Amino acid sequence: MTTDDGGRTAPDEEARIATVDELDTIVSLAQHCLDEQRDGRGGAIWAVRETRAAPFELSLREAIYDPDQELFAGTIDGVILGYAAVCVEHLRSGEILGVVDDLIVHTDARGIGVGEALIKKAIAWCDSRGCVGIDSIALPGNRAMAAVTSCSICVFMCAPVCGSLKVGNSNRYQLRNDARLQEWL
């Protein structure tokens, strides 16, 4: 916990590389997300097409050991309440695209900053691998996910700009000119 200028305590949220010992918690979060999103707008097809294949532990374990993937744990005061899975996709052009496969925060921990911490880690990981952009999916009814992935960090479908990527006003990532995404800014 940290203390703000008014003497109030605030939770410490952070994102870090997950370990194999934390897979049970992360698998639980993956199942929670599937159960929560399945009945939402677009969720039925997403659940059978875009999600990880069960058992989740196998592909999440692979994300820990495969150098073309990474698994991040999002925590509040050291308790895992979210995770992000990111990988690289080798394009036919020879370039590399970053793909955020999962960005999950437990329902009770949303709006605190865990998702933002996770996506920042994913962006840094993709940047360190020279990715030309980052791709991610958010269900049409999932406004919170769309906000995390497109507001200040502009990840939803990043486009290369002059050989670099831009985030907000920095030189890192730039949001593709897409009217659906502009409404979040």
Protein backbone atom coordinates (compact mmCIF):
# COMPACT_ATOMS: atom_id res chain seq x y z
CA MET A 1 0.00 0.00 0.00
CA THR A 2 1.11 3.52 -0.75
CA THR A 3 0.02 6.72 0.93
CA ASP A 4 -1.16 9.72 -1.08
CA ASP A 5 -0.66 13.38 -0.14
CA GLY A 6 -3.85 13.32 1.93
CA GLY A 7 -2.59 10.45 4.08
CA ARG A 8 -4.96 7.92 2.49
CA THR A 9 -3.66 4.50 1.58
CA ALA A 10 -3.98 3.27 -1.98
CA PRO A 11 -3.36 -0.23 -3.28
CA ASP A 12 -0.12 -0.95 -5.12
CA GLU A 13 -0.84 -2.40 -8.52
CA GLU A 14 1.90 -3.79 -10.70
CA ALA A 15 2.57 -6.19 -13.54
CA ARG A 16 5.49 -8.58 -13.69
CA ILE A 17 6.51 -11.79 -15.44
CA ALA A 18 4.45 -14.71 -14.12
CA THR A 19 6.03 -17.89 -12.79
CA VAL A 20 5.00 -21.49 -13.25
CA ASP A 21 4.07 -21.62 -9.54
CA GLU A 22 1.31 -19.07 -10.24
CA LEU A 23 -0.38 -21.02 -13.04
CA ASP A 24 -3.25 -22.32 -10.89
CA THR A 25 -4.30 -18.75 -10.07
CA ILE A 26 -3.93 -17.62 -13.68
CA VAL A 27 -5.89 -20.63 -15.00
CA SER A 28 -8.64 -19.72 -12.54
CA LEU A 29 -8.71 -16.17 -13.91
CA ALA A 30 -8.88 -17.49 -17.49
CA GLN A 31 -11.87 -19.67 -16.60
CA HIS A 32 -13.53 -16.78 -14.73
CA CYS A 33 -13.17 -14.57 -17.81
CA LEU A 34 -14.56 -17.22 -20.15
CA ASP A 35 -17.57 -17.75 -17.89
CA GLU A 36 -18.14 -14.01 -17.58
CA GLN A 37 -17.78 -13.09 -21.27
CA ARG A 38 -19.41 -16.09 -22.94
CA ASP A 39 -22.94 -14.68 -22.64
CA GLY A 40 -22.00 -11.11 -23.58
CA ARG A 41 -22.29 -9.50 -27.00
CA GLY A 42 -20.04 -11.49 -29.36
CA GLY A 43 -19.11 -13.89 -26.53
CA ALA A 44 -20.59 -17.10 -27.92
CA ILE A 45 -18.39 -17.10 -31.03
CA TRP A 46 -15.41 -15.68 -29.14
CA ALA A 47 -15.66 -18.53 -26.61
CA VAL A 48 -15.36 -21.22 -29.28
CA ARG A 49 -13.05 -19.44 -31.74
CA GLU A 50 -10.72 -16.95 -30.05
CA THR A 51 -10.12 -18.25 -26.54
CA ARG A 52 -7.40 -20.62 -25.48
CA ALA A 53 -8.18 -24.28 -25.86
CA ALA A 54 -8.85 -26.13 -22.63
CA PRO A 55 -7.05 -27.17 -20.57
CA PHE A 56 -5.76 -23.61 -20.20
CA GLU A 57 -2.76 -24.68 -18.16
CA LEU A 58 -1.00 -26.24 -21.17
CA SER A 59 -0.96 -23.12 -23.35
CA LEU A 60 -0.31 -20.79 -20.41
CA ARG A 61 2.64 -22.95 -19.33
CA GLU A 62 3.94 -22.78 -22.89
CA ALA A 63 3.73 -18.96 -22.73
CA ILE A 64 6.15 -19.04 -19.81
CA TYR A 65 8.77 -21.19 -21.55
CA ASP A 66 8.46 -20.17 -25.23
CA PRO A 67 10.78 -17.25 -26.10
CA ASP A 68 8.19 -15.96 -28.60
CA GLN A 69 5.60 -15.59 -25.82
CA GLU A 70 5.34 -14.04 -22.37
CA LEU A 71 2.91 -14.31 -19.50
CA PHE A 72 2.50 -11.37 -17.10
CA ALA A 73 0.80 -11.40 -13.71
CA GLY A 74 -1.09 -8.29 -12.61
CA THR A 75 -1.18 -7.80 -8.86
CA ILE A 76 -2.67 -5.57 -6.21
CA ASP A 77 -0.61 -5.58 -3.03
CA GLY A 78 1.09 -8.77 -4.25
CA VAL A 79 -2.14 -10.70 -4.94
CA ILE A 80 -2.60 -11.86 -8.54
CA LEU A 81 -5.87 -10.44 -9.86
CA GLY A 82 -5.12 -10.31 -13.58
CA TYR A 83 -2.84 -11.54 -16.32
CA ALA A 84 -1.78 -10.80 -19.87
CA ALA A 85 -0.47 -13.24 -22.45
CA VAL A 86 1.43 -11.82 -25.39
CA CYS A 87 3.23 -13.40 -28.31
CA VAL A 88 4.87 -12.48 -31.59
CA GLU A 89 3.55 -13.37 -35.00
CA HIS A 90 6.03 -13.55 -37.87
CA LEU A 91 4.49 -11.81 -40.87
CA ARG A 92 5.08 -12.79 -44.52
CA SER A 93 6.92 -9.48 -44.96
CA GLY A 94 9.54 -10.66 -42.47
CA GLU A 95 8.33 -8.17 -39.87
CA ILE A 96 7.10 -9.12 -36.41
CA LEU A 97 3.65 -8.28 -35.02
CA GLY A 98 2.93 -8.36 -31.30
CA VAL A 99 -0.34 -10.05 -30.32
CA VAL A 100 -2.02 -9.63 -26.94
CA ASP A 101 -3.90 -12.93 -26.72
CA ASP A 102 -5.28 -12.41 -23.21
CA LEU A 103 -5.76 -9.35 -21.06
CA ILE A 104 -7.80 -10.39 -18.05
CA VAL A 105 -8.52 -8.64 -14.77
CA HIS A 106 -10.85 -10.13 -12.18
CA THR A 107 -14.22 -8.35 -12.05
CA ASP A 108 -13.68 -7.09 -8.50
CA ALA A 109 -10.28 -5.57 -9.35
CA ARG A 110 -11.22 -3.53 -12.43
CA GLY A 111 -10.79 0.22 -12.62
CA ILE A 112 -7.78 0.31 -10.29
CA GLY A 113 -4.95 0.15 -12.83
CA VAL A 114 -4.07 -3.55 -13.11
CA GLY A 115 -5.11 -3.74 -16.78
CA GLU A 116 -3.13 -0.63 -17.60
CA ALA A 117 -0.03 -2.00 -15.84
CA LEU A 118 -0.40 -5.27 -17.76
CA ILE A 119 -0.81 -3.64 -21.18
CA LYS A 120 2.19 -1.39 -20.52
CA LYS A 121 4.29 -4.50 -19.81
CA ALA A 122 2.97 -6.12 -23.00
CA ILE A 123 3.83 -3.01 -25.03
CA ALA A 124 7.35 -2.89 -23.59
CA TRP A 125 7.82 -6.61 -24.33
CA CYS A 126 6.67 -6.14 -27.95
CA ASP A 127 8.82 -3.05 -28.37
CA SER A 128 11.90 -4.92 -27.12
CA ARG A 129 11.33 -7.47 -29.88
CA GLY A 130 11.03 -4.86 -32.61
CA CYS A 131 7.34 -5.42 -33.34
CA VAL A 132 5.86 -3.20 -36.06
CA GLY A 133 2.53 -3.07 -34.23
CA ILE A 134 0.35 -4.78 -31.68
CA ASP A 135 -2.94 -6.55 -32.27
CA SER A 136 -5.62 -7.35 -29.71
CA ILE A 137 -9.31 -8.25 -29.64
CA ALA A 138 -12.02 -6.78 -27.42
CA LEU A 139 -15.60 -7.99 -27.56
CA PRO A 140 -18.07 -5.39 -28.86
CA GLY A 141 -19.84 -5.19 -25.51
CA ASN A 142 -16.66 -4.97 -23.45
CA ARG A 143 -16.22 -1.21 -23.09
CA ALA A 144 -13.70 -1.55 -20.24
CA MET A 145 -11.33 -3.66 -22.36
CA ALA A 146 -11.67 -1.36 -25.34
CA ALA A 147 -10.90 1.61 -23.09
CA VAL A 148 -7.78 -0.02 -21.64
CA THR A 149 -6.45 -1.06 -25.02
CA SER A 150 -7.23 2.12 -26.91
CA CYS A 151 -7.26 5.12 -24.57
CA SER A 152 -3.96 6.69 -23.51
CA ILE A 153 -1.86 3.70 -24.58
CA CYS A 154 -3.44 3.19 -28.00
CA VAL A 155 -2.87 -0.50 -28.54
CA PHE A 156 -6.06 -1.80 -30.17
CA MET A 157 -4.58 -2.07 -33.66
CA CYS A 158 -1.37 -0.05 -33.62
CA ALA A 159 0.13 1.08 -36.87
CA PRO A 160 3.78 1.79 -37.62
CA VAL A 161 4.72 5.45 -37.94
CA CYS A 162 8.05 6.39 -39.53
CA GLY A 163 9.58 3.11 -38.43
CA SER A 164 8.62 3.58 -34.79
CA LEU A 165 5.50 3.14 -32.73
CA LYS A 166 3.72 5.83 -30.73
CA VAL A 167 1.69 5.89 -27.49
CA GLY A 168 -0.40 8.98 -26.87
CA ASN A 169 1.89 11.99 -27.13
CA SER A 170 5.12 9.98 -26.84
CA ASN A 171 7.14 8.39 -29.62
CA ARG A 172 6.06 4.82 -28.94
CA TYR A 173 2.68 3.96 -30.49
CA GLN A 174 -0.01 5.67 -32.54
CA LEU A 175 -3.65 4.74 -32.78
CA ARG A 176 -4.80 3.73 -36.24
CA ASN A 177 -7.27 6.20 -37.72
CA ASP A 178 -10.40 4.20 -36.92
CA ALA A 179 -13.62 5.99 -35.99
CA ARG A 180 -14.65 3.18 -33.64
CA LEU A 181 -11.50 3.70 -31.61
CA GLN A 182 -11.53 7.49 -31.70
CA GLU A 183 -14.63 7.57 -29.49
CA TRP A 184 -12.51 6.26 -26.60
CA LEU A 185 -10.05 9.14 -26.76
